[in-house]
C-alpha cells in the first residue's frame, strides 16, 4: 500500500476518533504564528517572483520579522519549500479522500475529489508553478517534486488496481495511466492558475473531470451529467 494511501487512512481513522469541542481547541502560539507568517510570505513572494530569486533576505524583507527569525524554523529556503510541499500534500489528501478511500459510486467519488483538487490548484497555483519550474534547474527541488508526484502516482495506481479487481475499470497497466493523469493535473493547474490573472476554475474542473472519468471508467460525460454527479457525491 502506498504511503499516501496509508496517510489518508490514518488521518481518516484519527478524525473519526476525535470529537474535540470548539472550546477545547488549542490556542495558536506565538511561535506557530511566526512560522505561519514566514510560510505565507513565501507563498506571496512566489506570486510574482521565481524560486531562484528567493533568498532569506529577500523573503524576510516581505515580513516584519528579523532575518534571524527565519533560522529558528528553517535551515534554508529549500527546507521552507519542502515544508510547503508537505502542507500541499496534506491538502490534496483531504480533497482526494472521497475517491481514495470512499465506498460507493466511483464516478461520483472521483468527481467530488477532482472538484477539491481544482480548488487547491486555484489557491496554490503559483506555488505549484514555482516548484515545477525550479525542478528543471535545482537538484534538490527536482528530488522533492519527483517524490511528491511519485507518492500520488502510487496512490492513484492503487485505486485503479482496486477498481480493476472489481471490474469497474478495464484491465491495463495502472501506473503509466496514473502518472499521465497526475501530470495532466499538475501542469493544467500551472497553466491555468500559476500566475495572475488566474483562469476561472469551473472550466478547468470540467475538463479534468471529463478526462479522468472517460479514461478510467469510460463513462459518457457532459456538463449536465457532471452537475448530477456532484449532487450525488458525499
Protein backbone atom coordinates (compact mmCIF):
# COMPACT_ATOMS: atom_id res chain seq x y z
CA UNK A 1 0.00 0.00 0.00
CA UNK A 2 1.38 3.42 -0.95
CA UNK A 3 2.39 5.88 1.76
CA UNK A 4 -0.24 8.36 0.53
CA UNK A 5 -2.94 5.69 0.96
CA UNK A 6 -1.55 4.92 4.43
CA UNK A 7 -1.50 8.61 5.37
CA UNK A 8 -5.06 9.09 4.15
CA UNK A 9 -6.34 6.05 6.06
CA UNK A 10 -4.55 7.08 9.26
CA UNK A 11 -5.92 10.62 9.01
CA UNK A 12 -9.42 9.32 8.36
CA UNK A 13 -9.32 6.98 11.37
CA UNK A 14 -7.90 9.68 13.62
CA UNK A 15 -10.59 12.15 12.57
CA UNK A 16 -13.32 9.61 13.31
CA UNK A 17 -11.97 9.10 16.83
CA UNK A 18 -11.58 12.78 17.64
CA UNK A 19 -14.57 14.75 18.80
CA UNK A 20 -12.96 17.83 20.33
CA UNK A 21 -15.35 20.66 21.30
CA UNK A 22 -14.55 24.06 19.90
CA UNK A 23 -13.84 25.43 23.36
CA UNK A 24 -11.12 22.80 23.83
CA UNK A 25 -9.24 23.69 20.64
CA UNK A 26 -5.61 24.53 21.45
CA UNK A 27 -4.55 28.15 21.18
CA UNK A 28 -2.12 29.13 18.46
CA UNK A 29 1.21 30.00 20.00
CA UNK A 30 3.39 32.95 19.05
CA UNK A 31 5.93 30.53 17.60
CA UNK A 32 3.28 28.93 15.40
CA UNK A 33 2.09 32.33 14.22
CA UNK A 34 5.65 33.35 13.34
CA UNK A 35 6.27 30.19 11.36
CA UNK A 36 2.94 30.59 9.56
CA UNK A 37 3.81 34.20 8.71
CA UNK A 38 7.06 33.09 7.08
CA UNK A 39 5.28 30.40 5.06
CA UNK A 40 2.60 32.88 3.98
CA UNK A 41 5.28 35.36 2.95
CA UNK A 42 6.91 32.67 0.81
CA UNK A 43 3.63 31.93 -0.95
CA UNK A 44 3.09 35.62 -1.60
CA UNK A 45 6.68 36.01 -2.84
CA UNK A 46 6.11 33.26 -5.41
CA UNK A 47 3.13 35.08 -6.90
CA UNK A 48 5.48 37.48 -8.64
CA UNK A 49 9.00 36.03 -8.48
CA UNK A 50 10.57 32.64 -9.22
CA UNK A 51 12.13 30.43 -6.58
CA UNK A 52 15.65 31.18 -7.87
CA UNK A 53 15.21 34.76 -6.60
CA UNK A 54 14.11 33.68 -3.13
CA UNK A 55 16.80 34.36 -0.56
CA UNK A 56 16.35 34.64 3.18
CA UNK A 57 16.97 38.38 2.97
CA UNK A 58 14.52 38.89 0.12
CA UNK A 59 11.86 36.79 1.81
CA UNK A 60 12.12 38.33 5.27
CA UNK A 61 12.03 41.80 3.76
CA UNK A 62 8.40 40.97 2.92
CA UNK A 63 7.63 40.49 6.62
CA UNK A 64 8.02 42.47 9.83
CA UNK A 65 10.25 39.72 11.21
CA UNK A 66 14.00 39.66 11.61
CA UNK A 67 16.27 37.57 9.41
CA UNK A 68 17.27 35.52 12.45
CA UNK A 69 13.63 34.52 12.95
CA UNK A 70 13.80 32.52 9.72
CA UNK A 71 16.54 30.26 11.08
CA UNK A 72 14.51 29.37 14.14
CA UNK A 73 12.25 27.32 11.87
CA UNK A 74 14.14 26.51 8.66
CA UNK A 75 17.73 25.74 7.73
CA UNK A 76 17.36 27.33 4.30
CA UNK A 77 14.78 28.23 1.66
CA UNK A 78 14.82 24.67 0.34
CA UNK A 79 13.60 23.34 3.68
CA UNK A 80 10.90 26.01 3.67
CA UNK A 81 9.75 24.90 0.21
CA UNK A 82 9.73 21.28 1.34
CA UNK A 83 7.51 22.29 4.28
CA UNK A 84 5.11 23.98 1.87
CA UNK A 85 5.08 20.83 -0.28
CA UNK A 86 4.22 18.81 2.82
CA UNK A 87 1.30 21.13 3.58
CA UNK A 88 0.15 20.85 -0.04
CA UNK A 89 0.29 17.07 0.22
CA UNK A 90 -1.97 17.20 3.31
CA UNK A 91 -4.45 19.46 1.48
CA UNK A 92 -4.53 17.11 -1.50
CA UNK A 93 -5.03 14.07 0.74
CA UNK A 94 -8.05 15.72 2.29
CA UNK A 95 -9.51 16.60 -1.10
CA UNK A 96 -8.76 13.19 -2.63
CA UNK A 97 -10.03 11.13 0.31
CA UNK A 98 -13.51 10.51 -1.20
CA UNK A 99 -12.04 8.69 -4.20
CA UNK A 100 -9.02 7.18 -2.47
CA UNK A 101 -10.98 5.72 0.44
CA UNK A 102 -14.68 6.14 -0.27
CA UNK A 103 -17.20 3.37 -0.89
CA UNK A 104 -19.95 3.75 -3.46
CA UNK A 105 -20.28 5.12 -6.97
CA UNK A 106 -16.64 5.62 -8.02
CA UNK A 107 -17.53 8.23 -10.64
CA UNK A 108 -19.32 10.35 -8.05
CA UNK A 109 -16.44 9.93 -5.61
CA UNK A 110 -13.90 10.88 -8.26
CA UNK A 111 -15.94 13.91 -9.29
CA UNK A 112 -16.01 15.10 -5.68
CA UNK A 113 -12.26 14.62 -5.25
CA UNK A 114 -11.38 16.38 -8.50
CA UNK A 115 -13.51 19.35 -7.52
CA UNK A 116 -11.47 19.66 -4.33
CA UNK A 117 -8.20 19.32 -6.21
CA UNK A 118 -9.13 22.13 -8.59
CA UNK A 119 -9.91 24.40 -5.63
CA UNK A 120 -6.47 23.65 -4.19
CA UNK A 121 -4.86 24.22 -7.59
CA UNK A 122 -6.60 27.58 -7.82
CA UNK A 123 -5.34 28.62 -4.38
CA UNK A 124 -1.81 27.24 -4.68
CA UNK A 125 -1.18 27.54 -8.42
CA UNK A 126 1.77 29.97 -8.13
CA UNK A 127 3.47 27.68 -5.64
CA UNK A 128 2.98 24.63 -7.86
CA UNK A 129 4.36 26.62 -10.78
CA UNK A 130 7.38 27.74 -8.74
CA UNK A 131 8.23 24.18 -7.67
CA UNK A 132 7.74 22.74 -11.16
CA UNK A 133 9.92 25.48 -12.67
CA UNK A 134 12.61 25.14 -10.01
CA UNK A 135 12.73 21.37 -10.50
CA UNK A 136 14.13 21.89 -14.00
CA UNK A 137 17.35 23.53 -12.74
CA UNK A 138 17.61 22.87 -8.99
CA UNK A 139 18.62 19.33 -7.99
CA UNK A 140 17.09 19.44 -4.52
CA UNK A 141 13.79 20.84 -5.75
CA UNK A 142 13.75 18.26 -8.54
CA UNK A 143 14.10 15.49 -5.97
CA UNK A 144 11.37 16.95 -3.72
CA UNK A 145 8.98 17.47 -6.66
CA UNK A 146 9.54 13.96 -8.03
CA UNK A 147 8.99 12.40 -4.61
CA UNK A 148 5.82 14.44 -4.16
CA UNK A 149 4.41 13.40 -7.52
CA UNK A 150 5.56 9.81 -7.10
CA UNK A 151 3.55 9.33 -3.91
CA UNK A 152 0.37 10.35 -5.67
CA UNK A 153 1.27 8.21 -8.69
CA UNK A 154 1.38 5.24 -6.30
CA UNK A 155 -1.92 6.18 -4.66
CA UNK A 156 -3.80 6.64 -7.94
CA UNK A 157 -2.36 3.40 -9.30
CA UNK A 158 -3.51 1.60 -6.13
CA UNK A 159 -7.06 2.92 -6.53
CA UNK A 160 -7.15 2.00 -10.23
CA UNK A 161 -5.94 -1.51 -9.41
CA UNK A 162 -8.56 -1.87 -6.66
CA UNK A 163 -11.33 -0.85 -9.06
CA UNK A 164 -9.95 -3.17 -11.74
CA UNK A 165 -10.27 -6.03 -9.26
CA UNK A 166 -13.98 -5.20 -9.05
CA UNK A 167 -14.31 -4.96 -12.85
CA UNK A 168 -15.08 -1.25 -12.59
CA UNK A 169 -12.09 -0.29 -14.75
CA UNK A 170 -10.82 -2.11 -17.81
CA UNK A 171 -7.60 -4.11 -17.44
CA UNK A 172 -4.43 -2.16 -18.25
CA UNK A 173 -1.16 -1.29 -16.52
CA UNK A 174 -2.34 1.28 -13.95
CA UNK A 175 0.89 3.09 -13.16
CA UNK A 176 1.59 4.76 -16.55
CA UNK A 177 -2.01 5.94 -16.63
CA UNK A 178 -1.75 7.26 -13.06
CA UNK A 179 1.41 9.16 -13.98
CA UNK A 180 -0.22 10.66 -17.07
CA UNK A 181 -3.33 11.79 -15.20
CA UNK A 182 -1.36 13.31 -12.33
CA UNK A 183 0.94 15.22 -14.69
CA UNK A 184 -2.11 16.42 -16.57
CA UNK A 185 -3.49 17.90 -13.36
CA UNK A 186 -0.20 19.44 -12.26
CA UNK A 187 0.59 21.19 -15.49
CA UNK A 188 -3.01 22.16 -16.19
CA UNK A 189 -3.09 23.89 -12.80
CA UNK A 190 0.25 25.58 -13.51
CA UNK A 191 -1.04 26.88 -16.83
CA UNK A 192 -4.47 27.96 -15.55
CA UNK A 193 -3.69 29.20 -12.05
CA UNK A 194 0.07 29.74 -11.87
CA UNK A 195 0.03 33.48 -12.41
CA UNK A 196 -2.31 36.44 -12.35
CA UNK A 197 -4.85 36.76 -13.79
CA UNK A 198 -5.92 33.22 -13.00
CA UNK A 199 -8.42 31.49 -15.23
CA UNK A 200 -11.86 30.64 -13.95
CA UNK A 201 -11.74 27.30 -12.10
CA UNK A 202 -15.02 25.81 -13.37
CA UNK A 203 -13.92 25.16 -16.99
CA UNK A 204 -10.74 23.58 -15.64
CA UNK A 205 -12.72 21.35 -13.30
CA UNK A 206 -14.99 20.24 -16.12
CA UNK A 207 -12.01 19.50 -18.37
CA UNK A 208 -10.01 17.40 -15.92
CA UNK A 209 -13.14 15.59 -14.74
CA UNK A 210 -14.05 14.70 -18.31
CA UNK A 211 -10.57 13.29 -18.96
CA UNK A 212 -10.27 11.31 -15.71
CA UNK A 213 -13.73 9.77 -15.92
CA UNK A 214 -13.55 8.88 -19.60
CA UNK A 215 -10.04 7.45 -19.18
CA UNK A 216 -10.79 5.32 -16.14
CA UNK A 217 -14.47 4.45 -16.26
CA UNK A 218 -15.36 5.01 -19.90
CA UNK A 219 -18.44 6.97 -18.90
CA UNK A 220 -20.17 9.21 -21.40
CA UNK A 221 -19.78 12.60 -19.89
CA UNK A 222 -21.40 16.02 -20.20
CA UNK A 223 -21.71 19.13 -18.09
CA UNK A 224 -25.26 18.17 -17.13
CA UNK A 225 -24.12 14.74 -16.01
CA UNK A 226 -21.31 16.35 -14.03
CA UNK A 227 -23.77 18.51 -12.12
CA UNK A 228 -25.87 15.45 -11.37
CA UNK A 229 -22.82 13.58 -10.11
CA UNK A 230 -21.89 16.44 -7.81
CA UNK A 231 -25.34 16.37 -6.20
CA UNK A 232 -24.90 12.65 -5.52
CA UNK A 233 -21.33 12.92 -4.26
CA UNK A 234 -20.84 12.61 -0.46
